[in-house]
């Protein structure tokens, strides 16, 4: 069994997908870029600003599902340019505490909306 998670606190999907899906005991978030849910525009300021907004979006989806960032067990990060790794890593550390989730970071071209950063997560439910 699975059910979709949708919240106005994160950008609405632009295609046939859900912001998140619960399949107990986990919640899976769709890839989130640094789009402000109010303006539906990519936030200005580069990869670090985008990472901060994307992680804020992820937090909102997880909370709507009954989870939170402390329950994230795996993240996958996509960077348009690996030169942004240090800046994104610093923002990531603002949102996650030890013990940190397992993580994969991938260089990817052509992220949605011209983004420089995207993240997806897997978290346990409360």
PDB file of N, CA and C in Angstrom:
ATOM      1  N   UNK A   1       0.840  -1.181   0.000  1.00  0.00           N
ATOM      2  CA  UNK A   1       0.000   0.000   0.000  1.00  0.00           C
ATOM      3  C   UNK A   1       0.884   1.244   0.000  1.00  0.00           C
ATOM      4  N   UNK A   2       0.427   2.246  -0.714  1.00  0.00           N
ATOM      5  CA  UNK A   2       1.134   3.517  -0.736  1.00  0.00           C
ATOM      6  C   UNK A   2       0.125   4.632  -0.917  1.00  0.00           C
ATOM      7  N   UNK A   3       0.496   5.825  -0.445  1.00  0.00           N
ATOM      8  CA  UNK A   3      -0.353   6.978  -0.683  1.00  0.00           C
ATOM      9  C   UNK A   3       0.503   8.221  -0.881  1.00  0.00           C
ATOM     10  N   UNK A   4      -0.040   9.127  -1.677  1.00  0.00           N
ATOM     11  CA  UNK A   4       0.686  10.335  -2.050  1.00  0.00           C
ATOM     12  C   UNK A   4       0.619  11.381  -0.944  1.00  0.00           C
ATOM     13  N   UNK A   5       1.674  12.160  -0.866  1.00  0.00           N
ATOM     14  CA  UNK A   5       1.754  13.294   0.044  1.00  0.00           C
ATOM     15  C   UNK A   5       1.792  14.561  -0.807  1.00  0.00           C
ATOM     16  N   UNK A   6       0.942  15.509  -0.453  1.00  0.00           N
ATOM     17  CA  UNK A   6       0.924  16.798  -1.133  1.00  0.00           C
ATOM     18  C   UNK A   6       0.784  17.890  -0.074  1.00  0.00           C
ATOM     19  N   UNK A   7       1.565  18.953  -0.197  1.00  0.00           N
ATOM     20  CA  UNK A   7       1.481  20.082   0.715  1.00  0.00           C
ATOM     21  C   UNK A   7       1.675  21.375  -0.067  1.00  0.00           C
ATOM     22  N   UNK A   8       0.985  22.406   0.336  1.00  0.00           N
ATOM     23  CA  UNK A   8       1.147  23.724  -0.281  1.00  0.00           C
ATOM     24  C   UNK A   8       2.459  24.371   0.148  1.00  0.00           C
ATOM     25  N   UNK A   9       3.140  23.788   1.134  1.00  0.00           N
ATOM     26  CA  UNK A   9       4.404  24.327   1.639  1.00  0.00           C
ATOM     27  C   UNK A   9       5.606  23.936   0.786  1.00  0.00           C
ATOM     28  N   UNK A  10       5.364  23.179  -0.298  1.00  0.00           N
ATOM     29  CA  UNK A  10       6.406  22.789  -1.252  1.00  0.00           C
ATOM     30  C   UNK A  10       5.842  23.017  -2.648  1.00  0.00           C
ATOM     31  N   UNK A  11       6.704  23.183  -3.644  1.00  0.00           N
ATOM     32  CA  UNK A  11       6.219  23.432  -5.000  1.00  0.00           C
ATOM     33  C   UNK A  11       5.321  22.304  -5.501  1.00  0.00           C
ATOM     34  N   UNK A  12       4.271  22.690  -6.205  1.00  0.00           N
ATOM     35  CA  UNK A  12       3.371  21.704  -6.791  1.00  0.00           C
ATOM     36  C   UNK A  12       4.071  21.020  -7.962  1.00  0.00           C
ATOM     37  N   UNK A  13       3.847  19.729  -8.144  1.00  0.00           N
ATOM     38  CA  UNK A  13       4.487  19.007  -9.248  1.00  0.00           C
ATOM     39  C   UNK A  13       4.139  19.620 -10.599  1.00  0.00           C
ATOM     40  N   UNK A  14       5.091  19.579 -11.511  1.00  0.00           N
ATOM     41  CA  UNK A  14       4.870  20.083 -12.861  1.00  0.00           C
ATOM     42  C   UNK A  14       4.633  18.944 -13.845  1.00  0.00           C
ATOM     43  N   UNK A  15       4.498  17.744 -13.317  1.00  0.00           N
ATOM     44  CA  UNK A  15       4.269  16.573 -14.149  1.00  0.00           C
ATOM     45  C   UNK A  15       3.474  15.534 -13.384  1.00  0.00           C
ATOM     46  N   UNK A  16       3.374  14.339 -13.954  1.00  0.00           N
ATOM     47  CA  UNK A  16       2.592  13.276 -13.309  1.00  0.00           C
ATOM     48  C   UNK A  16       3.379  12.553 -12.214  1.00  0.00           C
ATOM     49  N   UNK A  17       3.600  13.245 -11.110  1.00  0.00           N
ATOM     50  CA  UNK A  17       4.276  12.650  -9.960  1.00  0.00           C
ATOM     51  C   UNK A  17       3.793  13.324  -8.688  1.00  0.00           C
ATOM     52  N   UNK A  18       4.058  12.706  -7.562  1.00  0.00           N
ATOM     53  CA  UNK A  18       3.686  13.239  -6.256  1.00  0.00           C
ATOM     54  C   UNK A  18       4.894  13.888  -5.602  1.00  0.00           C
ATOM     55  N   UNK A  19       4.656  14.851  -4.725  1.00  0.00           N
ATOM     56  CA  UNK A  19       5.748  15.447  -3.958  1.00  0.00           C
ATOM     57  C   UNK A  19       6.437  14.387  -3.107  1.00  0.00           C
ATOM     58  N   UNK A  20       5.645  13.478  -2.579  1.00  0.00           N
ATOM     59  CA  UNK A  20       6.166  12.391  -1.769  1.00  0.00           C
ATOM     60  C   UNK A  20       5.192  11.230  -1.796  1.00  0.00           C
ATOM     61  N   UNK A  21       5.715  10.071  -1.430  1.00  0.00           N
ATOM     62  CA  UNK A  21       4.880   8.866  -1.354  1.00  0.00           C
ATOM     63  C   UNK A  21       5.240   8.132  -0.073  1.00  0.00           C
ATOM     64  N   UNK A  22       4.199   7.753   0.673  1.00  0.00           N
ATOM     65  CA  UNK A  22       4.394   6.931   1.862  1.00  0.00           C
ATOM     66  C   UNK A  22       4.146   5.483   1.481  1.00  0.00           C
ATOM     67  N   UNK A  23       5.109   4.661   1.793  1.00  0.00           N
ATOM     68  CA  UNK A  23       4.993   3.206   1.706  1.00  0.00           C
ATOM     69  C   UNK A  23       5.623   2.714   2.998  1.00  0.00           C
ATOM     70  N   UNK A  24       4.777   2.461   3.984  1.00  0.00           N
ATOM     71  CA  UNK A  24       5.256   2.185   5.338  1.00  0.00           C
ATOM     72  C   UNK A  24       6.292   1.072   5.376  1.00  0.00           C
ATOM     73  N   UNK A  25       7.341   1.323   6.152  1.00  0.00           N
ATOM     74  CA  UNK A  25       7.524   2.380   7.143  1.00  0.00           C
ATOM     75  C   UNK A  25       8.318   3.577   6.619  1.00  0.00           C
ATOM     76  N   UNK A  26       8.293   3.826   5.313  1.00  0.00           N
ATOM     77  CA  UNK A  26       9.119   4.887   4.733  1.00  0.00           C
ATOM     78  C   UNK A  26       8.289   5.932   4.014  1.00  0.00           C
ATOM     79  N   UNK A  27       8.895   7.107   3.856  1.00  0.00           N
ATOM     80  CA  UNK A  27       8.375   8.142   2.973  1.00  0.00           C
ATOM     81  C   UNK A  27       9.502   8.492   2.001  1.00  0.00           C
ATOM     82  N   UNK A  28       9.152   8.583   0.741  1.00  0.00           N
ATOM     83  CA  UNK A  28      10.087   8.894  -0.335  1.00  0.00           C
ATOM     84  C   UNK A  28       9.708  10.251  -0.908  1.00  0.00           C
ATOM     85  N   UNK A  29      10.659  11.176  -0.990  1.00  0.00           N
ATOM     86  CA  UNK A  29      10.352  12.466  -1.583  1.00  0.00           C
ATOM     87  C   UNK A  29      10.816  12.487  -3.031  1.00  0.00           C
ATOM     88  N   UNK A  30      10.018  13.163  -3.857  1.00  0.00           N
ATOM     89  CA  UNK A  30      10.433  13.410  -5.238  1.00  0.00           C
ATOM     90  C   UNK A  30      11.599  14.383  -5.209  1.00  0.00           C
ATOM     91  N   UNK A  31      12.352  14.427  -6.272  1.00  0.00           N
ATOM     92  CA  UNK A  31      13.444  15.386  -6.358  1.00  0.00           C
ATOM     93  C   UNK A  31      12.937  16.800  -6.166  1.00  0.00           C
ATOM     94  N   UNK A  32      13.616  17.546  -5.314  1.00  0.00           N
ATOM     95  CA  UNK A  32      13.243  18.930  -5.042  1.00  0.00           C
ATOM     96  C   UNK A  32      14.382  19.859  -5.446  1.00  0.00           C
ATOM     97  N   UNK A  33      14.038  20.866  -6.223  1.00  0.00           N
ATOM     98  CA  UNK A  33      14.988  21.920  -6.561  1.00  0.00           C
ATOM     99  C   UNK A  33      14.610  23.152  -5.755  1.00  0.00           C
ATOM    100  N   UNK A  34      15.366  24.213  -5.893  1.00  0.00           N
ATOM    101  CA  UNK A  34      15.167  25.409  -5.078  1.00  0.00           C
ATOM    102  C   UNK A  34      14.065  26.326  -5.566  1.00  0.00           C
ATOM    103  N   UNK A  35      12.902  25.766  -5.815  1.00  0.00           N
ATOM    104  CA  UNK A  35      11.765  26.577  -6.233  1.00  0.00           C
ATOM    105  C   UNK A  35      10.985  27.015  -4.999  1.00  0.00           C
ATOM    106  N   UNK A  36      10.709  28.313  -4.942  1.00  0.00           N
ATOM    107  CA  UNK A  36       9.885  28.864  -3.872  1.00  0.00           C
ATOM    108  C   UNK A  36       8.434  28.476  -4.163  1.00  0.00           C
ATOM    109  N   UNK A  37       7.750  27.800  -3.217  1.00  0.00           N
ATOM    110  CA  UNK A  37       6.381  27.365  -3.489  1.00  0.00           C
ATOM    111  C   UNK A  37       5.403  28.519  -3.690  1.00  0.00           C
ATOM    112  N   UNK A  38       5.702  29.691  -3.148  1.00  0.00           N
ATOM    113  CA  UNK A  38       4.824  30.846  -3.306  1.00  0.00           C
ATOM    114  C   UNK A  38       4.919  31.479  -4.685  1.00  0.00           C
ATOM    115  N   UNK A  39       6.141  31.643  -5.162  1.00  0.00           N
ATOM    116  CA  UNK A  39       6.347  32.309  -6.454  1.00  0.00           C
ATOM    117  C   UNK A  39       6.435  31.320  -7.614  1.00  0.00           C
ATOM    118  N   UNK A  40       6.693  30.057  -7.289  1.00  0.00           N
ATOM    119  CA  UNK A  40       6.912  29.012  -8.303  1.00  0.00           C
ATOM    120  C   UNK A  40       8.126  29.316  -9.189  1.00  0.00           C
ATOM    121  N   UNK A  41       9.063  30.082  -8.635  1.00  0.00           N
ATOM    122  CA  UNK A  41      10.283  30.454  -9.345  1.00  0.00           C
ATOM    123  C   UNK A  41      11.497  29.933  -8.580  1.00  0.00           C
ATOM    124  N   UNK A  42      12.553  29.643  -9.328  1.00  0.00           N
ATOM    125  CA  UNK A  42      13.823  29.252  -8.723  1.00  0.00           C
ATOM    126  C   UNK A  42      14.358  30.441  -7.923  1.00  0.00           C
ATOM    127  N   UNK A  43      14.780  30.182  -6.681  1.00  0.00           N
ATOM    128  CA  UNK A  43      15.303  31.275  -5.859  1.00  0.00           C
ATOM    129  C   UNK A  43      16.617  31.770  -6.440  1.00  0.00           C
ATOM    130  N   UNK A  44      16.888  33.062  -6.320  1.00  0.00           N
ATOM    131  CA  UNK A  44      18.170  33.589  -6.795  1.00  0.00           C
ATOM    132  C   UNK A  44      19.275  33.291  -5.788  1.00  0.00           C
ATOM    133  N   UNK A  45      20.515  33.389  -6.241  1.00  0.00           N
ATOM    134  CA  UNK A  45      21.640  33.276  -5.324  1.00  0.00           C
ATOM    135  C   UNK A  45      22.531  32.073  -5.538  1.00  0.00           C
ATOM    136  N   UNK A  46      22.242  31.256  -6.549  1.00  0.00           N
ATOM    137  CA  UNK A  46      23.126  30.138  -6.860  1.00  0.00           C
ATOM    138  C   UNK A  46      22.829  28.873  -6.082  1.00  0.00           C
ATOM    139  N   UNK A  47      23.775  27.959  -6.138  1.00  0.00           N
ATOM    140  CA  UNK A  47      23.585  26.607  -5.618  1.00  0.00           C
ATOM    141  C   UNK A  47      23.285  26.571  -4.122  1.00  0.00           C
ATOM    142  N   UNK A  48      23.954  27.392  -3.331  1.00  0.00           N
ATOM    143  CA  UNK A  48      23.719  27.372  -1.879  1.00  0.00           C
ATOM    144  C   UNK A  48      22.298  27.827  -1.555  1.00  0.00           C
ATOM    145  N   UNK A  49      21.842  28.904  -2.171  1.00  0.00           N
ATOM    146  CA  UNK A  49      20.476  29.384  -1.936  1.00  0.00           C
ATOM    147  C   UNK A  49      19.458  28.357  -2.419  1.00  0.00           C
ATOM    148  N   UNK A  50      19.727  27.747  -3.560  1.00  0.00           N
ATOM    149  CA  UNK A  50      18.831  26.716  -4.084  1.00  0.00           C
ATOM    150  C   UNK A  50      18.783  25.510  -3.150  1.00  0.00           C
ATOM    151  N   UNK A  51      19.936  25.121  -2.620  1.00  0.00           N
ATOM    152  CA  UNK A  51      19.981  23.982  -1.700  1.00  0.00           C
ATOM    153  C   UNK A  51      19.167  24.273  -0.446  1.00  0.00           C
ATOM    154  N   UNK A  52      19.291  25.479   0.073  1.00  0.00           N
ATOM    155  CA  UNK A  52      18.545  25.855   1.281  1.00  0.00           C
ATOM    156  C   UNK A  52      17.039  25.776   1.019  1.00  0.00           C
ATOM    157  N   UNK A  53      16.582  26.279  -0.125  1.00  0.00           N
ATOM    158  CA  UNK A  53      15.158  26.238  -0.444  1.00  0.00           C
ATOM    159  C   UNK A  53      14.701  24.806  -0.711  1.00  0.00           C
ATOM    160  N   UNK A  54      15.503  24.044  -1.435  1.00  0.00           N
ATOM    161  CA  UNK A  54      15.138  22.646  -1.727  1.00  0.00           C
ATOM    162  C   UNK A  54      15.022  21.838  -0.441  1.00  0.00           C
ATOM    163  N   UNK A  55      15.926  22.044   0.492  1.00  0.00           N
ATOM    164  CA  UNK A  55      15.863  21.330   1.768  1.00  0.00           C
ATOM    165  C   UNK A  55      14.676  21.800   2.611  1.00  0.00           C
ATOM    166  N   UNK A  56      14.315  23.052   2.503  1.00  0.00           N
ATOM    167  CA  UNK A  56      13.113  23.560   3.173  1.00  0.00           C
ATOM    168  C   UNK A  56      11.881  22.884   2.577  1.00  0.00           C
ATOM    169  N   UNK A  57      11.873  22.717   1.261  1.00  0.00           N
ATOM    170  CA  UNK A  57      10.764  22.029   0.591  1.00  0.00           C
ATOM    171  C   UNK A  57      10.681  20.571   1.049  1.00  0.00           C
ATOM    172  N   UNK A  58      11.825  19.902   1.112  1.00  0.00           N
ATOM    173  CA  UNK A  58      11.859  18.507   1.564  1.00  0.00           C
ATOM    174  C   UNK A  58      11.320  18.406   2.989  1.00  0.00           C
ATOM    175  N   UNK A  59      11.763  19.303   3.851  1.00  0.00           N
ATOM    176  CA  UNK A  59      11.291  19.288   5.246  1.00  0.00           C
ATOM    177  C   UNK A  59       9.762  19.398   5.294  1.00  0.00           C
ATOM    178  N   UNK A  60       9.182  20.281   4.473  1.00  0.00           N
ATOM    179  CA  UNK A  60       7.729  20.459   4.452  1.00  0.00           C
ATOM    180  C   UNK A  60       7.022  19.185   4.002  1.00  0.00           C
ATOM    181  N   UNK A  61       7.558  18.518   3.007  1.00  0.00           N
ATOM    182  CA  UNK A  61       6.951  17.270   2.510  1.00  0.00           C
ATOM    183  C   UNK A  61       7.032  16.188   3.581  1.00  0.00           C
ATOM    184  N   UNK A  62       8.202  16.052   4.194  1.00  0.00           N
ATOM    185  CA  UNK A  62       8.362  15.039   5.238  1.00  0.00           C
ATOM    186  C   UNK A  62       7.411  15.299   6.404  1.00  0.00           C
ATOM    187  N   UNK A  63       7.289  16.547   6.820  1.00  0.00           N
ATOM    188  CA  UNK A  63       6.399  16.870   7.931  1.00  0.00           C
ATOM    189  C   UNK A  63       4.939  16.600   7.560  1.00  0.00           C
ATOM    190  N   UNK A  64       4.565  16.862   6.310  1.00  0.00           N
ATOM    191  CA  UNK A  64       3.198  16.568   5.865  1.00  0.00           C
ATOM    192  C   UNK A  64       2.924  15.066   5.897  1.00  0.00           C
ATOM    193  N   UNK A  65       3.987  14.272   5.758  1.00  0.00           N
ATOM    194  CA  UNK A  65       3.857  12.809   5.779  1.00  0.00           C
ATOM    195  C   UNK A  65       3.902  12.242   7.198  1.00  0.00           C
ATOM    196  N   UNK A  66       4.251  13.072   8.170  1.00  0.00           N
ATOM    197  CA  UNK A  66       4.386  12.588   9.545  1.00  0.00           C
ATOM    198  C   UNK A  66       5.801  12.169   9.883  1.00  0.00           C
ATOM    199  N   UNK A  67       6.773  12.712   9.167  1.00  0.00           N
ATOM    200  CA  UNK A  67       8.182  12.408   9.422  1.00  0.00           C
ATOM    201  C   UNK A  67       8.919  13.728   9.598  1.00  0.00           C
ATOM    202  N   UNK A  68      10.248  13.679   9.555  1.00  0.00           N
ATOM    203  CA  UNK A  68      11.046  14.899   9.621  1.00  0.00           C
ATOM    204  C   UNK A  68      12.468  14.610   9.169  1.00  0.00           C
ATOM    205  N   UNK A  69      13.265  15.648   9.106  1.00  0.00           N
ATOM    206  CA  UNK A  69      14.645  15.502   8.624  1.00  0.00           C
ATOM    207  C   UNK A  69      15.481  14.579   9.506  1.00  0.00           C
ATOM    208  N   UNK A  70      15.179  14.507  10.779  1.00  0.00           N
ATOM    209  CA  UNK A  70      15.939  13.642  11.687  1.00  0.00           C
ATOM    210  C   UNK A  70      15.732  12.165  11.371  1.00  0.00           C
ATOM    211  N   UNK A  71      14.687  11.842  10.626  1.00  0.00           N
ATOM    212  CA  UNK A  71      14.393  10.450  10.288  1.00  0.00           C
ATOM    213  C   UNK A  71      14.854  10.075   8.876  1.00  0.00           C
ATOM    214  N   UNK A  72      15.528  10.991   8.198  1.00  0.00           N
ATOM    215  CA  UNK A  72      16.042  10.703   6.851  1.00  0.00           C
ATOM    216  C   UNK A  72      17.178   9.697   6.956  1.00  0.00           C
ATOM    217  N   UNK A  73      17.075   8.628   6.175  1.00  0.00           N
ATOM    218  CA  UNK A  73      18.108   7.587   6.194  1.00  0.00           C
ATOM    219  C   UNK A  73      18.992   7.614   4.945  1.00  0.00           C
ATOM    220  N   UNK A  74      18.504   8.244   3.854  1.00  0.00           N
ATOM    221  CA  UNK A  74      19.270   8.269   2.600  1.00  0.00           C
ATOM    222  C   UNK A  74      18.929   9.513   1.817  1.00  0.00           C
ATOM    223  N   UNK A  75      19.927  10.173   1.281  1.00  0.00           N
ATOM    224  CA  UNK A  75      19.717  11.300   0.384  1.00  0.00           C
ATOM    225  C   UNK A  75      20.498  11.066  -0.902  1.00  0.00           C
ATOM    226  N   UNK A  76      19.978  11.628  -1.962  1.00  0.00           N
ATOM    227  CA  UNK A  76      20.708  11.673  -3.231  1.00  0.00           C
ATOM    228  C   UNK A  76      20.717  13.125  -3.668  1.00  0.00           C
ATOM    229  N   UNK A  77      21.916  13.656  -3.885  1.00  0.00           N
ATOM    230  CA  UNK A  77      22.093  15.045  -4.314  1.00  0.00           C
ATOM    231  C   UNK A  77      22.539  15.056  -5.758  1.00  0.00           C
ATOM    232  N   UNK A  78      22.000  16.000  -6.510  1.00  0.00           N
ATOM    233  CA  UNK A  78      22.389  16.198  -7.904  1.00  0.00           C
ATOM    234  C   UNK A  78      22.909  17.622  -8.037  1.00  0.00           C
ATOM    235  N   UNK A  79      24.102  17.762  -8.563  1.00  0.00           N
ATOM    236  CA  UNK A  79      24.711  19.080  -8.763  1.00  0.00           C
ATOM    237  C   UNK A  79      24.968  19.290 -10.251  1.00  0.00           C
ATOM    238  N   UNK A  80      24.583  20.471 -10.742  1.00  0.00           N
ATOM    239  CA  UNK A  80      24.871  20.800 -12.133  1.00  0.00           C
ATOM    240  C   UNK A  80      26.367  21.014 -12.324  1.00  0.00           C
ATOM    241  N   UNK A  81      27.063  21.396 -11.249  1.00  0.00           N
ATOM    242  CA  UNK A  81      28.501  21.653 -11.309  1.00  0.00           C
ATOM    243  C   UNK A  81      29.122  21.226  -9.977  1.00  0.00           C
ATOM    244  N   UNK A  82      30.041  20.291 -10.016  1.00  0.00           N
ATOM    245  CA  UNK A  82      30.688  19.812  -8.787  1.00  0.00           C
ATOM    246  C   UNK A  82      31.499  20.901  -8.089  1.00  0.00           C
ATOM    247  N   UNK A  83      31.735  22.013  -8.763  1.00  0.00           N
ATOM    248  CA  UNK A  83      32.410  23.145  -8.112  1.00  0.00           C
ATOM    249  C   UNK A  83      31.537  23.707  -6.981  1.00  0.00           C
ATOM    250  N   UNK A  84      30.246  23.418  -7.006  1.00  0.00           N
ATOM    251  CA  UNK A  84      29.331  23.888  -5.968  1.00  0.00           C
ATOM    252  C   UNK A  84      29.284  22.964  -4.753  1.00  0.00           C
ATOM    253  N   UNK A  85      30.046  21.886  -4.765  1.00  0.00           N
ATOM    254  CA  UNK A  85      29.971  20.881  -3.712  1.00  0.00           C
ATOM    255  C   UNK A  85      30.191  21.472  -2.314  1.00  0.00           C
ATOM    256  N   UNK A  86      31.226  22.254  -2.124  1.00  0.00           N
ATOM    257  CA  UNK A  86      31.536  22.790  -0.785  1.00  0.00           C
ATOM    258  C   UNK A  86      30.420  23.703  -0.283  1.00  0.00           C
ATOM    259  N   UNK A  87      29.897  24.564  -1.144  1.00  0.00           N
ATOM    260  CA  UNK A  87      28.831  25.481  -0.732  1.00  0.00           C
ATOM    261  C   UNK A  87      27.559  24.710  -0.374  1.00  0.00           C
ATOM    262  N   UNK A  88      27.221  23.715  -1.175  1.00  0.00           N
ATOM    263  CA  UNK A  88      26.032  22.901  -0.911  1.00  0.00           C
ATOM    264  C   UNK A  88      26.232  22.075   0.349  1.00  0.00           C
ATOM    265  N   UNK A  89      27.420  21.543   0.541  1.00  0.00           N
ATOM    266  CA  UNK A  89      27.722  20.730   1.716  1.00  0.00           C
ATOM    267  C   UNK A  89      27.543  21.545   3.003  1.00  0.00           C
ATOM    268  N   UNK A  90      27.928  22.813   2.969  1.00  0.00           N
ATOM    269  CA  UNK A  90      27.767  23.671   4.142  1.00  0.00           C
ATOM    270  C   UNK A  90      26.281  23.874   4.469  1.00  0.00           C
ATOM    271  N   UNK A  91      25.455  24.071   3.446  1.00  0.00           N
ATOM    272  CA  UNK A  91      24.012  24.227   3.661  1.00  0.00           C
ATOM    273  C   UNK A  91      23.420  22.914   4.163  1.00  0.00           C
ATOM    274  N   UNK A  92      23.821  21.814   3.565  1.00  0.00           N
ATOM    275  CA  UNK A  92      23.340  20.484   3.970  1.00  0.00           C
ATOM    276  C   UNK A  92      23.567  20.275   5.471  1.00  0.00           C
ATOM    277  N   UNK A  93      24.732  20.700   5.952  1.00  0.00           N
ATOM    278  CA  UNK A  93      25.078  20.535   7.372  1.00  0.00           C
ATOM    279  C   UNK A  93      24.192  21.376   8.285  1.00  0.00           C
ATOM    280  N   UNK A  94      23.528  22.405   7.757  1.00  0.00           N
ATOM    281  CA  UNK A  94      22.587  23.197   8.544  1.00  0.00           C
ATOM    282  C   UNK A  94      21.286  22.427   8.808  1.00  0.00           C
ATOM    283  N   UNK A  95      20.981  21.460   7.949  1.00  0.00           N
ATOM    284  CA  UNK A  95      19.702  20.745   8.020  1.00  0.00           C
ATOM    285  C   UNK A  95      19.810  19.354   8.645  1.00  0.00           C
ATOM    286  N   UNK A  96      20.985  18.752   8.602  1.00  0.00           N
ATOM    287  CA  UNK A  96      21.159  17.396   9.110  1.00  0.00           C
ATOM    288  C   UNK A  96      22.213  17.368  10.206  1.00  0.00           C
ATOM    289  N   UNK A  97      21.975  16.515  11.206  1.00  0.00           N
ATOM    290  CA  UNK A  97      22.913  16.340  12.315  1.00  0.00           C
ATOM    291  C   UNK A  97      23.350  14.878  12.369  1.00  0.00           C
ATOM    292  N   UNK A  98      24.451  14.637  13.046  1.00  0.00           N
ATOM    293  CA  UNK A  98      24.946  13.272  13.216  1.00  0.00           C
ATOM    294  C   UNK A  98      23.954  12.465  14.044  1.00  0.00           C
ATOM    295  N   UNK A  99      23.761  11.230  13.760  1.00  0.00           N
ATOM    296  CA  UNK A  99      24.365  10.482  12.660  1.00  0.00           C
ATOM    297  C   UNK A  99      23.713  10.872  11.332  1.00  0.00           C
ATOM    298  N   UNK A 100      24.540  11.261  10.377  1.00  0.00           N
ATOM    299  CA  UNK A 100      24.063  11.750   9.092  1.00  0.00           C
ATOM    300  C   UNK A 100      23.462  10.634   8.248  1.00  0.00           C
ATOM    301  N   UNK A 101      22.518  10.996   7.370  1.00  0.00           N
ATOM    302  CA  UNK A 101      21.978   9.989   6.452  1.00  0.00           C
ATOM    303  C   UNK A 101      23.072   9.501   5.501  1.00  0.00           C
ATOM    304  N   UNK A 102      22.888   8.313   4.971  1.00  0.00           N
ATOM    305  CA  UNK A 102      23.745   7.874   3.874  1.00  0.00           C
ATOM    306  C   UNK A 102      23.486   8.836   2.716  1.00  0.00           C
ATOM    307  N   UNK A 103      24.497   9.069   1.881  1.00  0.00           N
ATOM    308  CA  UNK A 103      24.344  10.071   0.831  1.00  0.00           C
ATOM    309  C   UNK A 103      25.114   9.697  -0.413  1.00  0.00           C
ATOM    310  N   UNK A 104      24.515  10.016  -1.538  1.00  0.00           N
ATOM    311  CA  UNK A 104      25.176   9.923  -2.838  1.00  0.00           C
ATOM    312  C   UNK A 104      25.093  11.299  -3.468  1.00  0.00           C
ATOM    313  N   UNK A 105      26.185  11.758  -4.077  1.00  0.00           N
ATOM    314  CA  UNK A 105      26.190  13.030  -4.794  1.00  0.00           C
ATOM    315  C   UNK A 105      26.601  12.760  -6.229  1.00  0.00           C
ATOM    316  N   UNK A 106      25.794  13.257  -7.151  1.00  0.00           N
ATOM    317  CA  UNK A 106      25.981  12.979  -8.571  1.00  0.00           C
ATOM    318  C   UNK A 106      26.056  14.297  -9.328  1.00  0.00           C
ATOM    319  N   UNK A 107      26.989  14.405 -10.273  1.00  0.00           N
ATOM    320  CA  UNK A 107      27.011  15.538 -11.195  1.00  0.00           C
ATOM    321  C   UNK A 107      26.014  15.242 -12.295  1.00  0.00           C
ATOM    322  N   UNK A 108      25.095  16.175 -12.522  1.00  0.00           N
ATOM    323  CA  UNK A 108      24.036  15.962 -13.508  1.00  0.00           C
ATOM    324  C   UNK A 108      23.803  17.236 -14.297  1.00  0.00           C
ATOM    325  N   UNK A 109      23.706  17.103 -15.588  1.00  0.00           N
ATOM    326  CA  UNK A 109      23.398  18.252 -16.438  1.00  0.00           C
ATOM    327  C   UNK A 109      21.901  18.318 -16.678  1.00  0.00           C
ATOM    328  N   UNK A 110      21.397  19.499 -16.899  1.00  0.00           N
ATOM    329  CA  UNK A 110      20.002  19.652 -17.275  1.00  0.00           C
ATOM    330  C   UNK A 110      19.011  19.409 -16.165  1.00  0.00           C
ATOM    331  N   UNK A 111      19.280  19.903 -14.958  1.00  0.00           N
ATOM    332  CA  UNK A 111      18.314  19.770 -13.863  1.00  0.00           C
ATOM    333  C   UNK A 111      17.076  20.615 -14.156  1.00  0.00           C
ATOM    334  N   UNK A 112      15.922  20.271 -13.577  1.00  0.00           N
ATOM    335  CA  UNK A 112      14.683  20.999 -13.855  1.00  0.00           C
ATOM    336  C   UNK A 112      14.801  22.498 -13.570  1.00  0.00           C
ATOM    337  N   UNK A 113      14.142  23.288 -14.402  1.00  0.00           N
ATOM    338  CA  UNK A 113      14.055  24.745 -14.240  1.00  0.00           C
ATOM    339  C   UNK A 113      15.418  25.436 -14.287  1.00  0.00           C
ATOM    340  N   UNK A 114      16.432  24.765 -14.826  1.00  0.00           N
ATOM    341  CA  UNK A 114      17.770  25.344 -14.864  1.00  0.00           C
ATOM    342  C   UNK A 114      18.455  25.352 -13.512  1.00  0.00           C
ATOM    343  N   UNK A 115      17.993  24.512 -12.608  1.00  0.00           N
ATOM    344  CA  UNK A 115      18.531  24.462 -11.245  1.00  0.00           C
ATOM    345  C   UNK A 115      19.985  23.995 -11.235  1.00  0.00           C
ATOM    346  N   UNK A 116      20.681  24.379 -10.169  1.00  0.00           N
ATOM    347  CA  UNK A 116      22.058  23.934  -9.955  1.00  0.00           C
ATOM    348  C   UNK A 116      22.123  22.805  -8.933  1.00  0.00           C
ATOM    349  N   UNK A 117      20.987  22.565  -8.224  1.00  0.00           N
ATOM    350  CA  UNK A 117      20.941  21.590  -7.135  1.00  0.00           C
ATOM    351  C   UNK A 117      19.575  20.913  -7.113  1.00  0.00           C
ATOM    352  N   UNK A 118      19.581  19.612  -6.826  1.00  0.00           N
ATOM    353  CA  UNK A 118      18.346  18.856  -6.610  1.00  0.00           C
ATOM    354  C   UNK A 118      18.630  17.792  -5.556  1.00  0.00           C
ATOM    355  N   UNK A 119      17.615  17.466  -4.758  1.00  0.00           N
ATOM    356  CA  UNK A 119      17.764  16.464  -3.710  1.00  0.00           C
ATOM    357  C   UNK A 119      16.509  15.582  -3.651  1.00  0.00           C
ATOM    358  N   UNK A 120      16.716  14.301  -3.392  1.00  0.00           N
ATOM    359  CA  UNK A 120      15.618  13.389  -3.066  1.00  0.00           C
ATOM    360  C   UNK A 120      16.006  12.655  -1.788  1.00  0.00           C
ATOM    361  N   UNK A 121      14.997  12.246  -1.021  1.00  0.00           N
ATOM    362  CA  UNK A 121      15.264  11.610   0.260  1.00  0.00           C
ATOM    363  C   UNK A 121      14.395  10.396   0.493  1.00  0.00           C
ATOM    364  N   UNK A 122      14.872   9.549   1.395  1.00  0.00           N
ATOM    365  CA  UNK A 122      14.095   8.444   1.934  1.00  0.00           C
ATOM    366  C   UNK A 122      14.171   8.588   3.449  1.00  0.00           C
ATOM    367  N   UNK A 123      13.002   8.585   4.090  1.00  0.00           N
ATOM    368  CA  UNK A 123      12.954   8.765   5.553  1.00  0.00           C
ATOM    369  C   UNK A 123      12.012   7.732   6.163  1.00  0.00           C
ATOM    370  N   UNK A 124      12.249   7.430   7.421  1.00  0.00           N
ATOM    371  CA  UNK A 124      11.332   6.565   8.168  1.00  0.00           C
ATOM    372  C   UNK A 124      10.182   7.420   8.680  1.00  0.00           C
ATOM    373  N   UNK A 125       9.043   6.806   8.826  1.00  0.00           N
ATOM    374  CA  UNK A 125       7.908   7.488   9.422  1.00  0.00           C
ATOM    375  C   UNK A 125       8.082   7.516  10.934  1.00  0.00           C
ATOM    376  N   UNK A 126       7.367   8.407  11.580  1.00  0.00           N
ATOM    377  CA  UNK A 126       7.447   8.541  13.031  1.00  0.00           C
ATOM    378  C   UNK A 126       6.922   7.301  13.718  1.00  0.00           C
TER     379      UNK A 126
END
